[in-house]
Amino acid sequence: DFSFMEGGKRIRPDFAYITIHGTPGENGILQGYFDLIHLPYSTSDVLVEAMTFNKFTLNQYLKGFGVSVSESKGFEHLVTDDEIIEKIGLPCFVKPNAGGSSFGVTKVKSADQIHEAILKAMRESDEVMVEAFMEGTEISQGCYKTQEKRRMRSSLYYAWINFSEGIFIKDKNCLWRRRVVLFMDDGWNYNN
């Protein structure tokens, strides 16, 4: 339960600030444990963390809402090059299914690259996802659309964290602004 003894008293944390990249910090494992012991934490809940950590599951979920995602197939075992070409086509991306980073991702342009790409992805995850190439513009910033408007948050912001001083945001004009981070039930909320 992460409690410890100090001066003859049991100290129990009030809050878990999860900064672990990958397993178990981003896949729902810690979140599930903290839910069981009723310890609040800084990330999304178990379901969101587990779904977003599993690329294939997340893509299938988003498809259900009409979001355009590349055709993909998840594999827990090695498959033949022909199976991949038949089901997904070329070019394609071979990637670890579980994980939040780009480690182990390969763009495959020809059949002779498939086997090595799968082995590379399997060094990062027990499951591999093969995803069809999708022509278009990649958006690397938050955006959303409502009936009234479209919004896009600038990606020209950089965060610098100093745990004793707070969080500072560098804006597109290269000005450092101090921000205090508040943790809300629905995620992060930045306030001056």
C-alpha atoms as a PDB file:
ATOM      1  CA  ASP A   1       0.000   0.000   0.000  1.00  0.00           C
ATOM      2  CA  PHE A   2       3.105   2.250  -0.266  1.00  0.00           C
ATOM      3  CA  SER A   3       2.839   3.206   3.411  1.00  0.00           C
ATOM      4  CA  PHE A   4       5.952   3.380   5.556  1.00  0.00           C
ATOM      5  CA  MET A   5       6.908   3.834   9.173  1.00  0.00           C
ATOM      6  CA  GLU A   6       8.440   7.072  10.399  1.00  0.00           C
ATOM      7  CA  GLY A   7       8.907   7.970  14.050  1.00  0.00           C
ATOM      8  CA  GLY A   8       6.740   5.041  15.086  1.00  0.00           C
ATOM      9  CA  LYS A   9       3.824   6.222  12.908  1.00  0.00           C
ATOM     10  CA  ARG A  10       2.493   4.665   9.731  1.00  0.00           C
ATOM     11  CA  ILE A  11       2.607   7.238   6.916  1.00  0.00           C
ATOM     12  CA  ARG A  12       0.269   6.676   3.971  1.00  0.00           C
ATOM     13  CA  PRO A  13       0.574   8.829   0.840  1.00  0.00           C
ATOM     14  CA  ASP A  14      -2.388  11.074  -0.016  1.00  0.00           C
ATOM     15  CA  PHE A  15      -1.745  11.050  -3.766  1.00  0.00           C
ATOM     16  CA  ALA A  16       0.321   9.195  -6.390  1.00  0.00           C
ATOM     17  CA  TYR A  17       1.991  11.301  -9.053  1.00  0.00           C
ATOM     18  CA  ILE A  18       2.656   8.639 -11.709  1.00  0.00           C
ATOM     19  CA  THR A  19       5.694   9.394 -13.870  1.00  0.00           C
ATOM     20  CA  ILE A  20       6.578   5.849 -14.976  1.00  0.00           C
ATOM     21  CA  HIS A  21       6.770   5.538 -18.764  1.00  0.00           C
ATOM     22  CA  GLY A  22       5.430   2.275 -20.169  1.00  0.00           C
ATOM     23  CA  THR A  23       4.560  -0.664 -17.935  1.00  0.00           C
ATOM     24  CA  PRO A  24       3.224  -0.393 -15.236  1.00  0.00           C
ATOM     25  CA  GLY A  25       2.638   3.378 -15.303  1.00  0.00           C
ATOM     26  CA  GLU A  26       0.771   3.804 -18.597  1.00  0.00           C
ATOM     27  CA  ASN A  27      -1.115   0.538 -19.073  1.00  0.00           C
ATOM     28  CA  GLY A  28      -3.593   0.586 -16.184  1.00  0.00           C
ATOM     29  CA  ILE A  29      -1.724  -1.730 -13.815  1.00  0.00           C
ATOM     30  CA  LEU A  30      -0.765   0.923 -11.250  1.00  0.00           C
ATOM     31  CA  GLN A  31      -4.065   2.700 -11.713  1.00  0.00           C
ATOM     32  CA  GLY A  32      -5.953  -0.520 -10.939  1.00  0.00           C
ATOM     33  CA  TYR A  33      -3.899  -1.110  -7.817  1.00  0.00           C
ATOM     34  CA  PHE A  34      -4.381   2.463  -6.641  1.00  0.00           C
ATOM     35  CA  ASP A  35      -8.134   2.146  -7.241  1.00  0.00           C
ATOM     36  CA  LEU A  36      -8.190  -0.982  -5.064  1.00  0.00           C
ATOM     37  CA  ILE A  37      -6.470   0.804  -2.169  1.00  0.00           C
ATOM     38  CA  HIS A  38      -8.425   4.062  -2.776  1.00  0.00           C
ATOM     39  CA  LEU A  39      -5.343   6.183  -3.490  1.00  0.00           C
ATOM     40  CA  PRO A  40      -5.949   9.078  -5.919  1.00  0.00           C
ATOM     41  CA  TYR A  41      -3.466   9.413  -8.800  1.00  0.00           C
ATOM     42  CA  SER A  42      -2.443  11.803 -11.569  1.00  0.00           C
ATOM     43  CA  THR A  43      -3.303   9.861 -14.722  1.00  0.00           C
ATOM     44  CA  SER A  44      -6.428   8.675 -16.492  1.00  0.00           C
ATOM     45  CA  ASP A  45      -8.346   5.734 -15.072  1.00  0.00           C
ATOM     46  CA  VAL A  46      -7.681   2.026 -15.644  1.00  0.00           C
ATOM     47  CA  LEU A  47      -9.827   1.670 -18.760  1.00  0.00           C
ATOM     48  CA  VAL A  48      -8.400   4.710 -20.550  1.00  0.00           C
ATOM     49  CA  GLU A  49      -4.809   3.785 -19.711  1.00  0.00           C
ATOM     50  CA  ALA A  50      -5.263   0.139 -20.771  1.00  0.00           C
ATOM     51  CA  MET A  51      -7.002   1.064 -24.033  1.00  0.00           C
ATOM     52  CA  THR A  52      -4.540   3.755 -25.071  1.00  0.00           C
ATOM     53  CA  PHE A  53      -1.589   1.491 -24.273  1.00  0.00           C
ATOM     54  CA  ASN A  54      -2.947  -1.177 -26.627  1.00  0.00           C
ATOM     55  CA  LYS A  55      -2.802   0.351 -30.111  1.00  0.00           C
ATOM     56  CA  PHE A  56      -4.987  -2.237 -31.839  1.00  0.00           C
ATOM     57  CA  THR A  57      -7.727  -2.085 -29.188  1.00  0.00           C
ATOM     58  CA  LEU A  58      -7.742   1.720 -29.289  1.00  0.00           C
ATOM     59  CA  ASN A  59      -8.011   1.769 -33.091  1.00  0.00           C
ATOM     60  CA  GLN A  60     -10.962  -0.641 -33.008  1.00  0.00           C
ATOM     61  CA  TYR A  61     -12.662   1.472 -30.324  1.00  0.00           C
ATOM     62  CA  LEU A  62     -12.182   4.692 -32.318  1.00  0.00           C
ATOM     63  CA  LYS A  63     -13.521   3.031 -35.482  1.00  0.00           C
ATOM     64  CA  GLY A  64     -16.775   2.483 -33.605  1.00  0.00           C
ATOM     65  CA  PHE A  65     -17.158   6.273 -33.383  1.00  0.00           C
ATOM     66  CA  GLY A  66     -16.478   6.818 -37.078  1.00  0.00           C
ATOM     67  CA  VAL A  67     -12.863   7.944 -36.664  1.00  0.00           C
ATOM     68  CA  SER A  68     -10.789   7.124 -39.745  1.00  0.00           C
ATOM     69  CA  VAL A  69      -7.960   4.843 -38.718  1.00  0.00           C
ATOM     70  CA  SER A  70      -5.733   2.661 -40.853  1.00  0.00           C
ATOM     71  CA  GLU A  71      -6.663  -0.936 -41.423  1.00  0.00           C
ATOM     72  CA  SER A  72      -4.684  -3.009 -38.972  1.00  0.00           C
ATOM     73  CA  LYS A  73      -4.241  -6.485 -37.625  1.00  0.00           C
ATOM     74  CA  GLY A  74      -2.920  -7.559 -34.249  1.00  0.00           C
ATOM     75  CA  PHE A  75      -0.694 -10.626 -33.949  1.00  0.00           C
ATOM     76  CA  GLU A  76       0.456 -12.522 -30.864  1.00  0.00           C
ATOM     77  CA  HIS A  77       2.542 -14.933 -32.929  1.00  0.00           C
ATOM     78  CA  LEU A  78       4.746 -14.785 -35.994  1.00  0.00           C
ATOM     79  CA  VAL A  79       2.848 -14.760 -39.278  1.00  0.00           C
ATOM     80  CA  THR A  80       4.013 -15.160 -42.830  1.00  0.00           C
ATOM     81  CA  ASP A  81       4.929 -12.229 -45.019  1.00  0.00           C
ATOM     82  CA  ASP A  82       2.206 -13.304 -47.446  1.00  0.00           C
ATOM     83  CA  GLU A  83      -0.466 -13.112 -44.707  1.00  0.00           C
ATOM     84  CA  ILE A  84       0.513  -9.527 -43.950  1.00  0.00           C
ATOM     85  CA  ILE A  85       0.600  -8.468 -47.577  1.00  0.00           C
ATOM     86  CA  GLU A  86      -2.766 -10.136 -48.218  1.00  0.00           C
ATOM     87  CA  LYS A  87      -4.517  -8.632 -45.159  1.00  0.00           C
ATOM     88  CA  ILE A  88      -2.841  -5.214 -44.898  1.00  0.00           C
ATOM     89  CA  GLY A  89      -0.849  -4.497 -48.058  1.00  0.00           C
ATOM     90  CA  LEU A  90       2.324  -2.486 -48.613  1.00  0.00           C
ATOM     91  CA  PRO A  91       3.596  -0.072 -47.530  1.00  0.00           C
ATOM     92  CA  CYS A  92       2.639  -0.735 -43.926  1.00  0.00           C
ATOM     93  CA  PHE A  93       3.851  -0.054 -40.405  1.00  0.00           C
ATOM     94  CA  VAL A  94       4.885  -2.852 -38.081  1.00  0.00           C
ATOM     95  CA  LYS A  95       4.846  -1.811 -34.452  1.00  0.00           C
ATOM     96  CA  PRO A  96       4.682  -3.147 -30.924  1.00  0.00           C
ATOM     97  CA  ASN A  97       1.019  -3.347 -29.983  1.00  0.00           C
ATOM     98  CA  ALA A  98       1.556  -2.450 -26.341  1.00  0.00           C
ATOM     99  CA  GLY A  99       3.370   0.760 -25.565  1.00  0.00           C
ATOM    100  CA  GLY A 100       3.206   4.464 -25.874  1.00  0.00           C
ATOM    101  CA  SER A 101       6.418   5.271 -27.687  1.00  0.00           C
ATOM    102  CA  SER A 102       7.741   4.764 -31.192  1.00  0.00           C
ATOM    103  CA  PHE A 103      10.374   2.210 -30.151  1.00  0.00           C
ATOM    104  CA  GLY A 104      10.195  -0.831 -32.390  1.00  0.00           C
ATOM    105  CA  VAL A 105       8.186   0.839 -35.183  1.00  0.00           C
ATOM    106  CA  THR A 106       9.239   0.156 -38.782  1.00  0.00           C
ATOM    107  CA  LYS A 107       7.812   1.436 -42.047  1.00  0.00           C
ATOM    108  CA  VAL A 108       7.859  -1.570 -44.353  1.00  0.00           C
ATOM    109  CA  LYS A 109       7.989  -0.858 -48.073  1.00  0.00           C
ATOM    110  CA  SER A 110       8.802  -4.310 -49.443  1.00  0.00           C
ATOM    111  CA  ALA A 111       8.108  -7.919 -48.499  1.00  0.00           C
ATOM    112  CA  ASP A 112      11.760  -8.628 -47.655  1.00  0.00           C
ATOM    113  CA  GLN A 113      11.582  -6.098 -44.762  1.00  0.00           C
ATOM    114  CA  ILE A 114       8.593  -7.673 -42.980  1.00  0.00           C
ATOM    115  CA  HIS A 115      10.313 -10.432 -41.015  1.00  0.00           C
ATOM    116  CA  GLU A 116      12.977  -8.185 -39.473  1.00  0.00           C
ATOM    117  CA  ALA A 117      10.354  -5.522 -38.690  1.00  0.00           C
ATOM    118  CA  ILE A 118       8.248  -8.075 -36.785  1.00  0.00           C
ATOM    119  CA  LEU A 119      11.251  -9.288 -34.809  1.00  0.00           C
ATOM    120  CA  LYS A 120      12.148  -5.671 -33.963  1.00  0.00           C
ATOM    121  CA  ALA A 121       8.598  -4.980 -32.737  1.00  0.00           C
ATOM    122  CA  MET A 122       8.529  -8.201 -30.702  1.00  0.00           C
ATOM    123  CA  ARG A 123      11.608  -7.074 -28.799  1.00  0.00           C
ATOM    124  CA  GLU A 124       9.403  -4.297 -27.385  1.00  0.00           C
ATOM    125  CA  SER A 125       6.080  -6.150 -26.919  1.00  0.00           C
ATOM    126  CA  ASP A 126       4.635  -9.669 -26.905  1.00  0.00           C
ATOM    127  CA  GLU A 127       2.018  -8.529 -29.413  1.00  0.00           C
ATOM    128  CA  VAL A 128       2.633  -6.928 -32.789  1.00  0.00           C
ATOM    129  CA  MET A 129       0.307  -4.709 -34.784  1.00  0.00           C
ATOM    130  CA  VAL A 130       0.621  -4.293 -38.521  1.00  0.00           C
ATOM    131  CA  GLU A 131      -1.053  -1.156 -39.809  1.00  0.00           C
ATOM    132  CA  ALA A 132      -1.731  -0.082 -43.383  1.00  0.00           C
ATOM    133  CA  PHE A 133      -0.109   3.106 -44.622  1.00  0.00           C
ATOM    134  CA  MET A 134      -2.623   5.951 -44.613  1.00  0.00           C
ATOM    135  CA  GLU A 135      -2.086   8.871 -46.965  1.00  0.00           C
ATOM    136  CA  GLY A 136      -2.767  12.236 -45.364  1.00  0.00           C
ATOM    137  CA  THR A 137      -1.642  14.812 -42.854  1.00  0.00           C
ATOM    138  CA  GLU A 138      -0.483  13.682 -39.434  1.00  0.00           C
ATOM    139  CA  ILE A 139      -1.621  15.943 -36.612  1.00  0.00           C
ATOM    140  CA  SER A 140       0.647  16.029 -33.605  1.00  0.00           C
ATOM    141  CA  GLN A 141      -1.366  18.364 -31.454  1.00  0.00           C
ATOM    142  CA  GLY A 142      -4.682  18.281 -29.717  1.00  0.00           C
ATOM    143  CA  CYS A 143      -7.721  19.217 -31.758  1.00  0.00           C
ATOM    144  CA  TYR A 144     -11.467  18.828 -31.548  1.00  0.00           C
ATOM    145  CA  LYS A 145     -14.586  19.854 -33.404  1.00  0.00           C
ATOM    146  CA  THR A 146     -17.975  20.824 -32.021  1.00  0.00           C
ATOM    147  CA  GLN A 147     -21.119  21.876 -33.873  1.00  0.00           C
ATOM    148  CA  GLU A 148     -20.130  25.521 -33.387  1.00  0.00           C
ATOM    149  CA  LYS A 149     -16.378  25.557 -33.993  1.00  0.00           C
ATOM    150  CA  ARG A 150     -13.115  23.766 -34.636  1.00  0.00           C
ATOM    151  CA  ARG A 151     -10.277  24.164 -32.147  1.00  0.00           C
ATOM    152  CA  MET A 152      -6.619  23.314 -32.361  1.00  0.00           C
ATOM    153  CA  ARG A 153      -4.126  23.740 -29.553  1.00  0.00           C
ATOM    154  CA  SER A 154      -0.744  24.991 -30.669  1.00  0.00           C
ATOM    155  CA  SER A 155       2.053  22.454 -30.516  1.00  0.00           C
ATOM    156  CA  LEU A 156       4.558  25.281 -30.075  1.00  0.00           C
ATOM    157  CA  TYR A 157       4.553  25.001 -26.300  1.00  0.00           C
ATOM    158  CA  TYR A 158       7.317  23.304 -24.366  1.00  0.00           C
ATOM    159  CA  ALA A 159       7.130  22.291 -20.732  1.00  0.00           C
ATOM    160  CA  TRP A 160       9.963  22.397 -18.248  1.00  0.00           C
ATOM    161  CA  ILE A 161       9.310  20.841 -14.872  1.00  0.00           C
ATOM    162  CA  ASN A 162      11.126  21.832 -11.719  1.00  0.00           C
ATOM    163  CA  PHE A 163       9.429  19.972  -8.886  1.00  0.00           C
ATOM    164  CA  SER A 164      10.434  22.524  -6.256  1.00  0.00           C
ATOM    165  CA  GLU A 165       9.315  25.534  -8.314  1.00  0.00           C
ATOM    166  CA  GLY A 166       6.375  24.278 -10.400  1.00  0.00           C
ATOM    167  CA  ILE A 167       5.860  23.852 -14.109  1.00  0.00           C
ATOM    168  CA  PHE A 168       6.919  26.426 -16.658  1.00  0.00           C
ATOM    169  CA  ILE A 169       5.545  26.641 -20.186  1.00  0.00           C
ATOM    170  CA  LYS A 170       7.568  28.149 -23.034  1.00  0.00           C
ATOM    171  CA  ASP A 171       5.140  29.659 -25.535  1.00  0.00           C
ATOM    172  CA  LYS A 172       5.542  30.267 -29.262  1.00  0.00           C
ATOM    173  CA  ASN A 173       7.101  33.665 -28.529  1.00  0.00           C
ATOM    174  CA  CYS A 174       9.827  31.963 -26.449  1.00  0.00           C
ATOM    175  CA  LEU A 175       8.574  33.493 -23.218  1.00  0.00           C
ATOM    176  CA  TRP A 176       8.730  31.373 -20.093  1.00  0.00           C
ATOM    177  CA  ARG A 177       5.549  31.536 -18.075  1.00  0.00           C
ATOM    178  CA  ARG A 178       5.124  29.925 -14.712  1.00  0.00           C
ATOM    179  CA  ARG A 179       2.160  27.611 -14.435  1.00  0.00           C
ATOM    180  CA  VAL A 180       0.792  25.713 -11.492  1.00  0.00           C
ATOM    181  CA  VAL A 181      -0.628  22.319 -12.256  1.00  0.00           C
ATOM    182  CA  LEU A 182      -3.901  21.268 -10.669  1.00  0.00           C
ATOM    183  CA  PHE A 183      -5.015  17.669 -10.911  1.00  0.00           C
ATOM    184  CA  MET A 184      -8.695  17.320 -11.729  1.00  0.00           C
ATOM    185  CA  ASP A 185     -10.884  14.219 -12.023  1.00  0.00           C
ATOM    186  CA  ASP A 186     -11.015  14.714 -15.788  1.00  0.00           C
ATOM    187  CA  GLY A 187      -7.266  15.148 -16.320  1.00  0.00           C
ATOM    188  CA  TRP A 188      -4.850  18.051 -16.310  1.00  0.00           C
ATOM    189  CA  ASN A 189      -5.978  21.617 -15.841  1.00  0.00           C
ATOM    190  CA  TYR A 190      -3.369  24.361 -16.208  1.00  0.00           C
ATOM    191  CA  ASN A 191      -3.956  27.609 -14.380  1.00  0.00           C
ATOM    192  CA  ASN A 192      -1.720  30.642 -13.991  1.00  0.00           C
END
